[in-house]
Amino acid sequence: MSAIDELASELARLPGIGRKTAMRLTYHLLKQPAAQSRRLADALVGLTERIRQCEICFNLTEAPRCAICSDPRRDGNTICAVEEAADIGAIERAAEFRGVYHVLGGRISPLDGVGPADLTIAALVDRVRTGTITEVILATNPSMEGEATAIHLQRQLLPTGVRITRIARGLPVGGDLEYADGVTIAQALSARREMQ
């Protein structure tokens, strides 16, 4: 296999990158100065050598503890459980949540061979049992796998006596009803609240 095909094959493994896009990226890199390609290669090596999971929440970090777990201003009594570390960024952009997180490392998906033991569920239950946690917010995605994961988490956490909540789902701001699917409308109706 040529070096061009080898790089294109590796790029095509990335999510959202098909074979044609991988080839375009490969040829683009070949047109750039060699120093730029080396910087990209060095950044990839640095990523794999320096980034690790936070020892508390499993977020991605360069230090033993992530910036959120290390921040004394965060409410350590409330944990928001998310599927992936990337989900933390989405919640943080809303600037509404001041608690801490727990990254599950995926979601239960029997078809993909991912069961509860493959996730950090046991570590979350241990955090709740040994800490001063008063609430766990389940912020898994509104997919079948995300719902199954949330239900499993609820069953595991119920014996601890902690308050368990689920993020609301429904219509996005600026969305039109005519374009929403039936499940989204049903979720929006069931999560309705009193107007004040």
Protein backbone atom coordinates (compact mmCIF):
# COMPACT_ATOMS: atom_id res chain seq x y z
CA MET A 1 0.00 0.00 0.00
CA SER A 2 1.39 3.42 -0.94
CA ALA A 3 1.89 6.18 1.64
CA ILE A 4 -0.99 8.13 0.03
CA ASP A 5 -3.39 5.19 0.31
CA GLU A 6 -2.22 4.46 3.85
CA LEU A 7 -2.93 8.01 5.06
CA ALA A 8 -6.24 8.15 3.20
CA SER A 9 -7.28 4.86 4.79
CA GLU A 10 -6.47 6.16 8.28
CA LEU A 11 -8.30 9.47 7.66
CA ALA A 12 -11.33 7.58 6.34
CA ARG A 13 -11.65 5.89 9.75
CA LEU A 14 -12.52 9.24 11.33
CA PRO A 15 -16.24 9.95 11.88
CA GLY A 16 -17.82 11.86 9.02
CA ILE A 17 -14.85 11.33 6.68
CA GLY A 18 -15.52 9.15 3.66
CA ARG A 19 -12.99 7.82 1.18
CA LYS A 20 -13.27 10.81 -1.20
CA THR A 21 -12.84 13.35 1.59
CA ALA A 22 -9.91 11.36 2.97
CA MET A 23 -8.21 11.50 -0.43
CA ARG A 24 -8.86 15.27 -0.72
CA LEU A 25 -7.34 15.79 2.74
CA THR A 26 -4.34 13.64 1.84
CA TYR A 27 -3.66 15.61 -1.36
CA HIS A 28 -4.17 18.88 0.52
CA LEU A 29 -1.53 17.83 3.06
CA LEU A 30 0.87 16.92 0.24
CA LYS A 31 0.57 20.48 -1.15
CA GLN A 32 1.48 22.03 2.21
CA PRO A 33 5.03 22.69 3.37
CA ALA A 34 6.56 19.65 5.08
CA ALA A 35 6.83 21.62 8.34
CA GLN A 36 3.05 22.00 8.49
CA SER A 37 2.51 18.25 8.07
CA ARG A 38 5.09 17.61 10.80
CA ARG A 39 3.25 19.98 13.15
CA LEU A 40 0.05 18.02 12.51
CA ALA A 41 1.87 14.73 13.16
CA ASP A 42 3.45 16.14 16.33
CA ALA A 43 0.05 17.36 17.54
CA LEU A 44 -1.42 13.88 17.03
CA VAL A 45 1.46 12.26 18.90
CA GLY A 46 1.15 14.82 21.70
CA LEU A 47 -2.55 14.12 21.93
CA THR A 48 -2.01 10.42 22.52
CA GLU A 49 0.93 10.93 24.90
CA ARG A 50 -0.39 13.78 27.08
CA ILE A 51 -4.16 13.41 27.27
CA ARG A 52 -5.61 11.07 29.88
CA GLN A 53 -8.83 10.60 31.82
CA CYS A 54 -9.48 12.61 34.97
CA GLU A 55 -9.05 10.35 37.99
CA ILE A 56 -12.40 11.51 39.38
CA CYS A 57 -14.84 12.10 36.51
CA PHE A 58 -13.15 10.52 33.45
CA ASN A 59 -13.15 13.82 31.53
CA LEU A 60 -10.16 14.32 29.22
CA THR A 61 -7.27 16.27 30.71
CA GLU A 62 -3.51 16.64 30.78
CA ALA A 63 -3.39 16.67 34.60
CA PRO A 64 -4.48 13.94 37.02
CA ARG A 65 -7.66 15.96 37.70
CA CYS A 66 -9.54 18.00 35.10
CA ALA A 67 -10.12 21.74 35.46
CA ILE A 68 -13.76 21.22 36.52
CA CYS A 69 -12.97 18.72 39.29
CA SER A 70 -10.13 21.00 40.46
CA ASP A 71 -12.32 24.12 40.60
CA PRO A 72 -13.40 24.79 44.22
CA ARG A 73 -16.20 27.06 42.98
CA ARG A 74 -18.06 24.12 41.42
CA ASP A 75 -20.94 22.49 43.32
CA GLY A 76 -19.51 19.08 44.19
CA ASN A 77 -22.90 17.86 45.43
CA THR A 78 -24.45 17.69 41.95
CA ILE A 79 -23.14 15.36 39.25
CA CYS A 80 -24.19 15.50 35.61
CA ALA A 81 -23.60 12.12 33.97
CA VAL A 82 -22.81 12.38 30.23
CA GLU A 83 -21.98 9.81 27.59
CA GLU A 84 -18.78 11.36 26.24
CA ALA A 85 -16.30 14.05 27.29
CA ALA A 86 -17.39 16.15 24.28
CA ASP A 87 -20.86 16.46 25.87
CA ILE A 88 -19.36 18.48 28.71
CA GLY A 89 -18.43 21.27 26.30
CA ALA A 90 -22.00 21.52 25.05
CA ILE A 91 -23.37 21.82 28.59
CA GLU A 92 -20.65 24.27 29.64
CA ARG A 93 -21.45 26.55 26.66
CA ALA A 94 -24.95 27.03 28.11
CA ALA A 95 -23.28 28.45 31.27
CA GLU A 96 -26.16 27.24 33.48
CA PHE A 97 -24.71 24.19 35.23
CA ARG A 98 -22.23 24.75 38.07
CA GLY A 99 -21.91 21.19 39.34
CA VAL A 100 -19.41 18.51 38.36
CA TYR A 101 -19.53 15.76 35.74
CA HIS A 102 -19.12 12.06 35.26
CA VAL A 103 -18.19 10.75 31.80
CA LEU A 104 -19.65 7.31 31.18
CA GLY A 105 -17.42 6.56 28.20
CA GLY A 106 -20.30 5.74 25.87
CA ARG A 107 -23.75 4.24 26.14
CA ILE A 108 -25.16 0.76 26.52
CA SER A 109 -25.45 -0.69 23.02
CA PRO A 110 -25.73 -4.49 22.83
CA LEU A 111 -25.59 -4.39 19.01
CA ASP A 112 -22.17 -2.73 19.25
CA GLY A 113 -21.04 -5.07 22.02
CA VAL A 114 -21.13 -2.35 24.71
CA GLY A 115 -22.60 -3.43 28.03
CA PRO A 116 -22.82 -1.74 31.44
CA ALA A 117 -19.45 -3.19 32.49
CA ASP A 118 -17.78 -1.38 29.57
CA LEU A 119 -18.84 2.00 30.96
CA THR A 120 -17.82 3.86 34.13
CA ILE A 121 -21.17 3.16 35.83
CA ALA A 122 -19.62 1.36 38.83
CA ALA A 123 -17.31 4.34 39.43
CA LEU A 124 -20.33 6.71 39.36
CA VAL A 125 -22.20 4.58 41.91
CA ASP A 126 -19.07 4.54 44.10
CA ARG A 127 -18.79 8.35 43.86
CA VAL A 128 -22.39 8.68 45.01
CA ARG A 129 -22.03 6.17 47.85
CA THR A 130 -18.80 7.62 49.24
CA GLY A 131 -19.37 11.32 48.62
CA THR A 132 -21.76 14.08 49.57
CA ILE A 133 -23.72 13.85 46.33
CA THR A 134 -27.33 15.01 46.58
CA GLU A 135 -28.35 14.83 42.91
CA VAL A 136 -27.32 12.99 39.75
CA ILE A 137 -28.55 14.49 36.48
CA LEU A 138 -28.72 11.92 33.68
CA ALA A 139 -27.75 13.72 30.48
CA THR A 140 -27.52 10.82 28.05
CA ASN A 141 -28.59 11.38 24.47
CA PRO A 142 -32.27 10.97 23.57
CA SER A 143 -31.62 7.82 21.51
CA MET A 144 -32.75 4.28 22.29
CA GLU A 145 -29.26 3.49 23.61
CA GLY A 146 -29.16 6.72 25.63
CA GLU A 147 -32.56 5.95 27.17
CA ALA A 148 -31.49 2.38 28.00
CA THR A 149 -28.35 3.77 29.65
CA ALA A 150 -30.38 6.29 31.68
CA ILE A 151 -32.79 3.58 32.86
CA HIS A 152 -29.89 1.33 33.86
CA LEU A 153 -28.22 4.21 35.73
CA GLN A 154 -31.47 4.97 37.53
CA ARG A 155 -31.75 1.35 38.68
CA GLN A 156 -28.15 1.34 39.89
CA LEU A 157 -28.50 4.66 41.74
CA LEU A 158 -31.93 4.17 43.36
CA PRO A 159 -30.57 2.21 46.36
CA THR A 160 -28.24 5.11 47.22
CA GLY A 161 -31.17 7.43 47.96
CA VAL A 162 -29.72 10.23 45.84
CA ARG A 163 -32.09 12.45 43.83
CA ILE A 164 -32.03 11.28 40.19
CA THR A 165 -33.17 13.64 37.44
CA ARG A 166 -33.16 13.50 33.63
CA ILE A 167 -32.53 16.44 31.33
CA ALA A 168 -35.68 17.61 29.56
CA ARG A 169 -36.13 16.93 25.88
CA GLY A 170 -38.30 18.62 23.33
CA LEU A 171 -38.41 21.24 20.63
CA PRO A 172 -35.34 23.41 20.08
CA VAL A 173 -35.67 27.17 20.31
CA GLY A 174 -36.34 28.49 16.81
CA GLY A 175 -37.59 25.11 15.58
CA ASP A 176 -40.85 24.72 13.68
CA LEU A 177 -43.45 22.16 14.75
CA GLU A 178 -44.02 21.04 11.19
CA TYR A 179 -40.41 19.82 10.91
CA ALA A 180 -40.24 18.04 14.27
CA ASP A 181 -40.63 14.28 14.44
CA GLY A 182 -43.39 12.64 16.47
CA VAL A 183 -41.11 11.45 19.29
CA THR A 184 -39.72 14.97 19.81
CA ILE A 185 -43.24 16.45 19.93
CA ALA A 186 -44.37 13.73 22.36
CA GLN A 187 -41.36 14.45 24.62
CA ALA A 188 -42.06 18.20 24.48
CA LEU A 189 -45.70 17.63 25.44
CA SER A 190 -44.87 15.32 28.33
CA ALA A 191 -42.23 17.73 29.69
CA ARG A 192 -44.54 20.77 29.50
CA ARG A 193 -44.65 23.14 32.46
CA GLU A 194 -46.92 25.78 33.90
CA MET A 195 -46.68 29.27 32.35
CA GLN A 196 -46.12 31.97 34.95
